Amino acid sequence: MKTSEIKELSTSDLLERIDTEKNMLVRLKLNHAITPLDNPKKLREAKLTIARLLTEMRKRELNTKSNS
């Protein structure tokens, strides 16, 4: 997911997407532990997506605090 796509999401959609991505990462890790993934780079991509989402949430949080 690109940064431009993340910025377009509303805050509630962002929170929902974070939960979804975290659940997907857990499933990927479990699947990888049982049988190796065809593309282990998917784990790294999932982590990066979660980090991007959390960064955007933090940015919005700081913006609301500075505007108050």
C-alpha atoms as a PDB file:
ATOM      1  CA  MET A   1       0.000   0.000   0.000  1.00  0.00           C
ATOM      2  CA  LYS A   2       1.421   3.334  -1.047  1.00  0.00           C
ATOM      3  CA  THR A   3       1.726   6.351   1.207  1.00  0.00           C
ATOM      4  CA  SER A   4      -0.593   8.377  -1.017  1.00  0.00           C
ATOM      5  CA  GLU A   5      -3.298   5.718  -0.616  1.00  0.00           C
ATOM      6  CA  ILE A   6      -2.842   5.699   3.152  1.00  0.00           C
ATOM      7  CA  LYS A   7      -3.236   9.480   3.390  1.00  0.00           C
ATOM      8  CA  GLU A   8      -6.606   9.262   1.631  1.00  0.00           C
ATOM      9  CA  LEU A   9      -8.062   6.900   4.256  1.00  0.00           C
ATOM     10  CA  SER A  10     -10.228   8.234   7.049  1.00  0.00           C
ATOM     11  CA  THR A  11      -9.116   7.671  10.642  1.00  0.00           C
ATOM     12  CA  SER A  12     -11.639   4.887  11.237  1.00  0.00           C
ATOM     13  CA  ASP A  13     -10.606   3.162   8.002  1.00  0.00           C
ATOM     14  CA  LEU A  14      -6.988   3.530   9.044  1.00  0.00           C
ATOM     15  CA  LEU A  15      -7.617   1.832  12.398  1.00  0.00           C
ATOM     16  CA  GLU A  16      -9.519  -0.965  10.686  1.00  0.00           C
ATOM     17  CA  ARG A  17      -6.739  -1.432   8.153  1.00  0.00           C
ATOM     18  CA  ILE A  18      -4.111  -1.613  10.932  1.00  0.00           C
ATOM     19  CA  ASP A  19      -6.042  -4.428  12.629  1.00  0.00           C
ATOM     20  CA  THR A  20      -6.450  -6.277   9.348  1.00  0.00           C
ATOM     21  CA  GLU A  21      -2.771  -5.990   8.474  1.00  0.00           C
ATOM     22  CA  LYS A  22      -1.675  -7.137  11.939  1.00  0.00           C
ATOM     23  CA  ASN A  23      -3.932 -10.196  11.698  1.00  0.00           C
ATOM     24  CA  MET A  24      -2.575 -10.976   8.248  1.00  0.00           C
ATOM     25  CA  LEU A  25       1.006 -10.720   9.555  1.00  0.00           C
ATOM     26  CA  VAL A  26       0.245 -13.193  12.343  1.00  0.00           C
ATOM     27  CA  ARG A  27      -1.243 -15.635   9.833  1.00  0.00           C
ATOM     28  CA  LEU A  28       1.756 -15.261   7.542  1.00  0.00           C
ATOM     29  CA  LYS A  29       4.144 -15.940  10.424  1.00  0.00           C
ATOM     30  CA  LEU A  30       2.209 -19.054  11.437  1.00  0.00           C
ATOM     31  CA  ASN A  31       2.097 -20.353   7.883  1.00  0.00           C
ATOM     32  CA  HIS A  32       5.791 -19.667   7.467  1.00  0.00           C
ATOM     33  CA  ALA A  33       6.593 -21.589  10.662  1.00  0.00           C
ATOM     34  CA  ILE A  34       4.699 -24.647   9.436  1.00  0.00           C
ATOM     35  CA  THR A  35       5.733 -24.600   5.800  1.00  0.00           C
ATOM     36  CA  PRO A  36       8.097 -22.038   4.265  1.00  0.00           C
ATOM     37  CA  LEU A  37       6.406 -19.358   2.216  1.00  0.00           C
ATOM     38  CA  ASP A  38       6.981 -19.203  -1.522  1.00  0.00           C
ATOM     39  CA  ASN A  39       7.985 -15.569  -1.119  1.00  0.00           C
ATOM     40  CA  PRO A  40       9.299 -14.758   2.384  1.00  0.00           C
ATOM     41  CA  LYS A  41       9.550 -11.115   1.363  1.00  0.00           C
ATOM     42  CA  LYS A  42       5.802 -10.907   2.044  1.00  0.00           C
ATOM     43  CA  LEU A  43       6.582 -10.835   5.774  1.00  0.00           C
ATOM     44  CA  ARG A  44       8.785  -7.784   5.348  1.00  0.00           C
ATOM     45  CA  GLU A  45       6.224  -6.052   3.141  1.00  0.00           C
ATOM     46  CA  ALA A  46       3.484  -6.654   5.718  1.00  0.00           C
ATOM     47  CA  LYS A  47       5.659  -5.168   8.476  1.00  0.00           C
ATOM     48  CA  LEU A  48       6.431  -2.125   6.351  1.00  0.00           C
ATOM     49  CA  THR A  49       2.759  -1.584   5.562  1.00  0.00           C
ATOM     50  CA  ILE A  50       1.883  -1.720   9.265  1.00  0.00           C
ATOM     51  CA  ALA A  51       4.668   0.761  10.016  1.00  0.00           C
ATOM     52  CA  ARG A  52       3.367   3.135   7.338  1.00  0.00           C
ATOM     53  CA  LEU A  53      -0.156   2.936   8.733  1.00  0.00           C
ATOM     54  CA  LEU A  54       1.013   3.552  12.299  1.00  0.00           C
ATOM     55  CA  THR A  55       3.159   6.467  11.153  1.00  0.00           C
ATOM     56  CA  GLU A  56       0.171   8.113   9.499  1.00  0.00           C
ATOM     57  CA  MET A  57      -1.924   7.587  12.661  1.00  0.00           C
ATOM     58  CA  ARG A  58       0.790   9.214  14.769  1.00  0.00           C
ATOM     59  CA  LYS A  59       1.061  12.109  12.314  1.00  0.00           C
ATOM     60  CA  ARG A  60      -2.679  12.741  12.561  1.00  0.00           C
ATOM     61  CA  GLU A  61      -2.558  12.481  16.342  1.00  0.00           C
ATOM     62  CA  LEU A  62       0.194  15.106  16.515  1.00  0.00           C
ATOM     63  CA  ASN A  63      -1.689  17.378  14.109  1.00  0.00           C
ATOM     64  CA  THR A  64      -4.818  17.332  16.266  1.00  0.00           C
ATOM     65  CA  LYS A  65      -2.760  18.104  19.389  1.00  0.00           C
ATOM     66  CA  SER A  66      -0.918  20.994  17.742  1.00  0.00           C
ATOM     67  CA  ASN A  67      -4.169  22.457  16.357  1.00  0.00           C
ATOM     68  CA  SER A  68      -5.839  22.453  19.768  1.00  0.00           C
END
